[in-house]
């Protein structure tokens, strides 16, 4: 499943959550453990370090793949925080944080590559 998301990301293809849920349901027979051993960690790191990690992680979360791949993340999916200043579920908050961190990284890279006047 991780390979599907990485290939879609590299080729700028849309992943349809309902279709991916079907594929994920078919893979529930223990193939997740085998997939983790066969390069999925490397592919996941490629997803995390890409320019559009937030989008791909959100799609992975919507289909349940992220929660299967990272068991601890699966425990916080749809978890609410009941404070006035929390607008997102815990899982969405973490995914958005990754997006913000990437924006900061991009801005820092642009500032460091521009000539000083």
C-alpha atoms as a PDB file:
ATOM      1  CA  UNK A   1       0.000   0.000   0.000  1.00  0.00           C
ATOM      2  CA  UNK A   2       2.832   2.408   0.786  1.00  0.00           C
ATOM      3  CA  UNK A   3       4.214   1.731  -2.685  1.00  0.00           C
ATOM      4  CA  UNK A   4       0.874   2.734  -4.244  1.00  0.00           C
ATOM      5  CA  UNK A   5       0.929   6.084  -2.431  1.00  0.00           C
ATOM      6  CA  UNK A   6       4.561   6.720  -3.337  1.00  0.00           C
ATOM      7  CA  UNK A   7       3.992   5.929  -7.016  1.00  0.00           C
ATOM      8  CA  UNK A   8       0.905   8.150  -7.087  1.00  0.00           C
ATOM      9  CA  UNK A   9       2.920  10.926  -5.453  1.00  0.00           C
ATOM     10  CA  UNK A  10       5.852  10.607  -7.875  1.00  0.00           C
ATOM     11  CA  UNK A  11       3.540  10.582 -10.900  1.00  0.00           C
ATOM     12  CA  UNK A  12       1.146  13.244  -9.609  1.00  0.00           C
ATOM     13  CA  UNK A  13      -1.838  10.871  -9.651  1.00  0.00           C
ATOM     14  CA  UNK A  14      -4.942  11.173  -7.523  1.00  0.00           C
ATOM     15  CA  UNK A  15      -5.735   8.371  -5.083  1.00  0.00           C
ATOM     16  CA  UNK A  16      -9.440   7.757  -4.647  1.00  0.00           C
ATOM     17  CA  UNK A  17     -10.037   6.949  -0.952  1.00  0.00           C
ATOM     18  CA  UNK A  18     -12.909   4.512  -1.549  1.00  0.00           C
ATOM     19  CA  UNK A  19     -10.856   2.470  -4.022  1.00  0.00           C
ATOM     20  CA  UNK A  20      -7.878   2.466  -1.698  1.00  0.00           C
ATOM     21  CA  UNK A  21     -10.026   1.297   1.216  1.00  0.00           C
ATOM     22  CA  UNK A  22     -11.075  -1.655  -0.913  1.00  0.00           C
ATOM     23  CA  UNK A  23      -7.469  -2.480  -1.765  1.00  0.00           C
ATOM     24  CA  UNK A  24      -6.492  -2.069   1.879  1.00  0.00           C
ATOM     25  CA  UNK A  25      -9.296  -4.375   3.006  1.00  0.00           C
ATOM     26  CA  UNK A  26      -8.050  -7.043   0.617  1.00  0.00           C
ATOM     27  CA  UNK A  27      -4.540  -6.690   2.022  1.00  0.00           C
ATOM     28  CA  UNK A  28      -5.577  -7.204   5.649  1.00  0.00           C
ATOM     29  CA  UNK A  29      -4.564 -10.871   5.634  1.00  0.00           C
ATOM     30  CA  UNK A  30      -1.098 -10.257   7.053  1.00  0.00           C
ATOM     31  CA  UNK A  31       0.495  -8.642   4.051  1.00  0.00           C
ATOM     32  CA  UNK A  32       1.006  -5.406   5.998  1.00  0.00           C
ATOM     33  CA  UNK A  33       3.700  -7.069   8.091  1.00  0.00           C
ATOM     34  CA  UNK A  34       5.414  -8.452   5.023  1.00  0.00           C
ATOM     35  CA  UNK A  35       5.187  -5.091   3.273  1.00  0.00           C
ATOM     36  CA  UNK A  36       6.844  -3.367   6.211  1.00  0.00           C
ATOM     37  CA  UNK A  37       9.854  -5.628   5.776  1.00  0.00           C
ATOM     38  CA  UNK A  38      10.088  -5.178   2.017  1.00  0.00           C
ATOM     39  CA  UNK A  39      11.151  -1.560   1.654  1.00  0.00           C
ATOM     40  CA  UNK A  40       8.052   0.209   2.928  1.00  0.00           C
ATOM     41  CA  UNK A  41      10.056   2.144   5.508  1.00  0.00           C
ATOM     42  CA  UNK A  42      12.289   3.571   2.781  1.00  0.00           C
ATOM     43  CA  UNK A  43       9.259   4.494   0.658  1.00  0.00           C
ATOM     44  CA  UNK A  44       7.551   6.069   3.655  1.00  0.00           C
ATOM     45  CA  UNK A  45      10.641   8.212   4.327  1.00  0.00           C
ATOM     46  CA  UNK A  46      10.583   9.290   0.674  1.00  0.00           C
ATOM     47  CA  UNK A  47       6.954  10.343   1.129  1.00  0.00           C
ATOM     48  CA  UNK A  48       7.781  12.257   4.320  1.00  0.00           C
ATOM     49  CA  UNK A  49      10.693  14.119   2.756  1.00  0.00           C
ATOM     50  CA  UNK A  50       8.869  15.028  -0.460  1.00  0.00           C
ATOM     51  CA  UNK A  51       7.349  18.415  -1.205  1.00  0.00           C
ATOM     52  CA  UNK A  52       3.744  17.291  -0.844  1.00  0.00           C
ATOM     53  CA  UNK A  53       3.951  14.988   2.175  1.00  0.00           C
ATOM     54  CA  UNK A  54       0.932  16.581   3.855  1.00  0.00           C
ATOM     55  CA  UNK A  55      -1.386  15.687   0.979  1.00  0.00           C
ATOM     56  CA  UNK A  56      -0.157  12.106   0.718  1.00  0.00           C
ATOM     57  CA  UNK A  57      -0.263  11.572   4.492  1.00  0.00           C
ATOM     58  CA  UNK A  58      -3.837  12.868   4.576  1.00  0.00           C
ATOM     59  CA  UNK A  59      -4.838  10.426   1.835  1.00  0.00           C
ATOM     60  CA  UNK A  60      -3.075   7.608   3.667  1.00  0.00           C
ATOM     61  CA  UNK A  61      -4.951   8.574   6.829  1.00  0.00           C
ATOM     62  CA  UNK A  62      -8.316   8.717   5.040  1.00  0.00           C
ATOM     63  CA  UNK A  63      -7.845   5.171   3.779  1.00  0.00           C
ATOM     64  CA  UNK A  64      -6.548   3.774   7.066  1.00  0.00           C
ATOM     65  CA  UNK A  65      -3.130   2.898   5.656  1.00  0.00           C
ATOM     66  CA  UNK A  66      -1.264   5.344   7.888  1.00  0.00           C
ATOM     67  CA  UNK A  67      -2.840   3.868  11.018  1.00  0.00           C
ATOM     68  CA  UNK A  68      -1.895   0.356   9.906  1.00  0.00           C
ATOM     69  CA  UNK A  69       1.663   1.345   9.059  1.00  0.00           C
ATOM     70  CA  UNK A  70       2.204   3.396  12.231  1.00  0.00           C
ATOM     71  CA  UNK A  71       0.202   1.640  14.925  1.00  0.00           C
ATOM     72  CA  UNK A  72       0.479   4.539  17.397  1.00  0.00           C
ATOM     73  CA  UNK A  73      -1.015   6.865  14.798  1.00  0.00           C
ATOM     74  CA  UNK A  74      -3.928   4.488  14.371  1.00  0.00           C
ATOM     75  CA  UNK A  75      -4.795   5.008  18.035  1.00  0.00           C
ATOM     76  CA  UNK A  76      -5.195   8.769  17.647  1.00  0.00           C
ATOM     77  CA  UNK A  77      -7.259   8.822  14.439  1.00  0.00           C
ATOM     78  CA  UNK A  78     -10.388  10.955  14.957  1.00  0.00           C
ATOM     79  CA  UNK A  79      -9.398  11.674  18.569  1.00  0.00           C
ATOM     80  CA  UNK A  80     -10.873  14.961  19.753  1.00  0.00           C
ATOM     81  CA  UNK A  81      -9.356  17.437  22.160  1.00  0.00           C
ATOM     82  CA  UNK A  82     -12.000  19.188  24.206  1.00  0.00           C
ATOM     83  CA  UNK A  83     -10.397  22.582  24.719  1.00  0.00           C
ATOM     84  CA  UNK A  84     -11.575  25.870  23.263  1.00  0.00           C
ATOM     85  CA  UNK A  85      -8.470  26.340  21.118  1.00  0.00           C
ATOM     86  CA  UNK A  86      -8.490  22.909  19.420  1.00  0.00           C
ATOM     87  CA  UNK A  87     -10.158  23.012  16.024  1.00  0.00           C
ATOM     88  CA  UNK A  88      -8.838  19.758  14.576  1.00  0.00           C
ATOM     89  CA  UNK A  89      -8.664  16.136  15.611  1.00  0.00           C
ATOM     90  CA  UNK A  90      -5.273  14.952  16.854  1.00  0.00           C
ATOM     91  CA  UNK A  91      -4.456  13.106  13.625  1.00  0.00           C
ATOM     92  CA  UNK A  92      -5.369  16.089  11.433  1.00  0.00           C
ATOM     93  CA  UNK A  93      -3.371  18.386  13.694  1.00  0.00           C
ATOM     94  CA  UNK A  94      -0.246  16.235  13.256  1.00  0.00           C
ATOM     95  CA  UNK A  95      -0.669  16.067   9.487  1.00  0.00           C
ATOM     96  CA  UNK A  96      -1.119  19.841   9.302  1.00  0.00           C
ATOM     97  CA  UNK A  97       2.005  20.304  11.434  1.00  0.00           C
ATOM     98  CA  UNK A  98       4.033  18.367   8.881  1.00  0.00           C
ATOM     99  CA  UNK A  99       2.684  20.668   6.174  1.00  0.00           C
ATOM    100  CA  UNK A 100       3.631  23.768   8.180  1.00  0.00           C
ATOM    101  CA  UNK A 101       7.104  22.396   8.853  1.00  0.00           C
ATOM    102  CA  UNK A 102       7.585  21.840   5.136  1.00  0.00           C
ATOM    103  CA  UNK A 103       6.512  25.422   4.440  1.00  0.00           C
ATOM    104  CA  UNK A 104       9.060  26.669   6.977  1.00  0.00           C
ATOM    105  CA  UNK A 105      11.741  24.489   5.401  1.00  0.00           C
ATOM    106  CA  UNK A 106      10.907  25.785   1.905  1.00  0.00           C
ATOM    107  CA  UNK A 107      10.999  29.398   3.088  1.00  0.00           C
ATOM    108  CA  UNK A 108      14.334  28.841   4.812  1.00  0.00           C
ATOM    109  CA  UNK A 109      15.756  27.245   1.658  1.00  0.00           C
ATOM    110  CA  UNK A 110      14.555  30.181  -0.463  1.00  0.00           C
ATOM    111  CA  UNK A 111      16.052  32.716   1.951  1.00  0.00           C
ATOM    112  CA  UNK A 112      19.391  30.944   2.116  1.00  0.00           C
ATOM    113  CA  UNK A 113      19.662  30.634  -1.684  1.00  0.00           C
ATOM    114  CA  UNK A 114      18.821  34.273  -2.424  1.00  0.00           C
ATOM    115  CA  UNK A 115      21.785  36.658  -2.727  1.00  0.00           C
ATOM    116  CA  UNK A 116      22.358  39.100   0.090  1.00  0.00           C
ATOM    117  CA  UNK A 117      22.033  42.733  -0.987  1.00  0.00           C
END
